[in-house]
């Protein structure tokens, strides 16, 4: 069973990080967003 709220949060966070990164270039934000995307993929696999 997928949790739509969790899925929404994991989908939204990288977008926010990348949007902030576009305005203020910070490699840590890119790495953070990338890690969230990887974690979201793992979480969605666990939730199915």
C-alpha atoms as a PDB file:
ATOM      1  CA  UNK A   1       0.000   0.000   0.000  1.00  0.00           C
ATOM      2  CA  UNK A   2       1.429   3.343  -1.014  1.00  0.00           C
ATOM      3  CA  UNK A   3       1.194   6.338   1.283  1.00  0.00           C
ATOM      4  CA  UNK A   4       0.211   9.285  -0.969  1.00  0.00           C
ATOM      5  CA  UNK A   5       1.283  11.865   1.604  1.00  0.00           C
ATOM      6  CA  UNK A   6       4.741  10.343   1.956  1.00  0.00           C
ATOM      7  CA  UNK A   7       4.999  10.024  -1.826  1.00  0.00           C
ATOM      8  CA  UNK A   8       4.018  13.690  -2.229  1.00  0.00           C
ATOM      9  CA  UNK A   9       6.581  14.840   0.340  1.00  0.00           C
ATOM     10  CA  UNK A  10       9.378  12.790  -1.219  1.00  0.00           C
ATOM     11  CA  UNK A  11       8.415  14.118  -4.660  1.00  0.00           C
ATOM     12  CA  UNK A  12       8.142  17.739  -3.536  1.00  0.00           C
ATOM     13  CA  UNK A  13      11.337  18.037  -1.466  1.00  0.00           C
ATOM     14  CA  UNK A  14      13.831  17.528  -4.327  1.00  0.00           C
ATOM     15  CA  UNK A  15      11.907  20.047  -6.444  1.00  0.00           C
ATOM     16  CA  UNK A  16      12.146  22.630  -3.660  1.00  0.00           C
ATOM     17  CA  UNK A  17      15.858  21.915  -3.182  1.00  0.00           C
ATOM     18  CA  UNK A  18      16.556  22.231  -6.891  1.00  0.00           C
ATOM     19  CA  UNK A  19      14.537  25.454  -7.110  1.00  0.00           C
ATOM     20  CA  UNK A  20      16.535  26.970  -4.263  1.00  0.00           C
ATOM     21  CA  UNK A  21      19.721  25.689  -5.873  1.00  0.00           C
ATOM     22  CA  UNK A  22      18.845  27.486  -9.103  1.00  0.00           C
ATOM     23  CA  UNK A  23      18.791  30.796  -7.232  1.00  0.00           C
ATOM     24  CA  UNK A  24      21.709  30.180  -4.888  1.00  0.00           C
ATOM     25  CA  UNK A  25      24.210  27.677  -6.227  1.00  0.00           C
ATOM     26  CA  UNK A  26      25.206  25.285  -3.459  1.00  0.00           C
ATOM     27  CA  UNK A  27      26.490  21.815  -4.304  1.00  0.00           C
ATOM     28  CA  UNK A  28      25.309  20.519  -0.918  1.00  0.00           C
ATOM     29  CA  UNK A  29      21.705  21.177  -1.928  1.00  0.00           C
ATOM     30  CA  UNK A  30      22.183  19.233  -5.147  1.00  0.00           C
ATOM     31  CA  UNK A  31      23.655  16.288  -3.274  1.00  0.00           C
ATOM     32  CA  UNK A  32      20.858  16.544  -0.699  1.00  0.00           C
ATOM     33  CA  UNK A  33      18.162  16.561  -3.371  1.00  0.00           C
ATOM     34  CA  UNK A  34      19.836  13.641  -5.141  1.00  0.00           C
ATOM     35  CA  UNK A  35      19.927  11.665  -1.892  1.00  0.00           C
ATOM     36  CA  UNK A  36      16.228  12.373  -1.310  1.00  0.00           C
ATOM     37  CA  UNK A  37      15.385  11.127  -4.805  1.00  0.00           C
ATOM     38  CA  UNK A  38      17.328   7.899  -4.182  1.00  0.00           C
ATOM     39  CA  UNK A  39      15.662   7.477  -0.778  1.00  0.00           C
ATOM     40  CA  UNK A  40      12.234   8.139  -2.304  1.00  0.00           C
ATOM     41  CA  UNK A  41      12.815   5.388  -4.858  1.00  0.00           C
ATOM     42  CA  UNK A  42      13.799   2.961  -2.096  1.00  0.00           C
ATOM     43  CA  UNK A  43      10.827   3.974   0.056  1.00  0.00           C
ATOM     44  CA  UNK A  44       8.340   3.594  -2.811  1.00  0.00           C
ATOM     45  CA  UNK A  45       9.724   0.118  -3.513  1.00  0.00           C
ATOM     46  CA  UNK A  46       9.319  -0.783   0.162  1.00  0.00           C
ATOM     47  CA  UNK A  47       5.756   0.546   0.230  1.00  0.00           C
ATOM     48  CA  UNK A  48       4.472  -1.512  -2.701  1.00  0.00           C
END
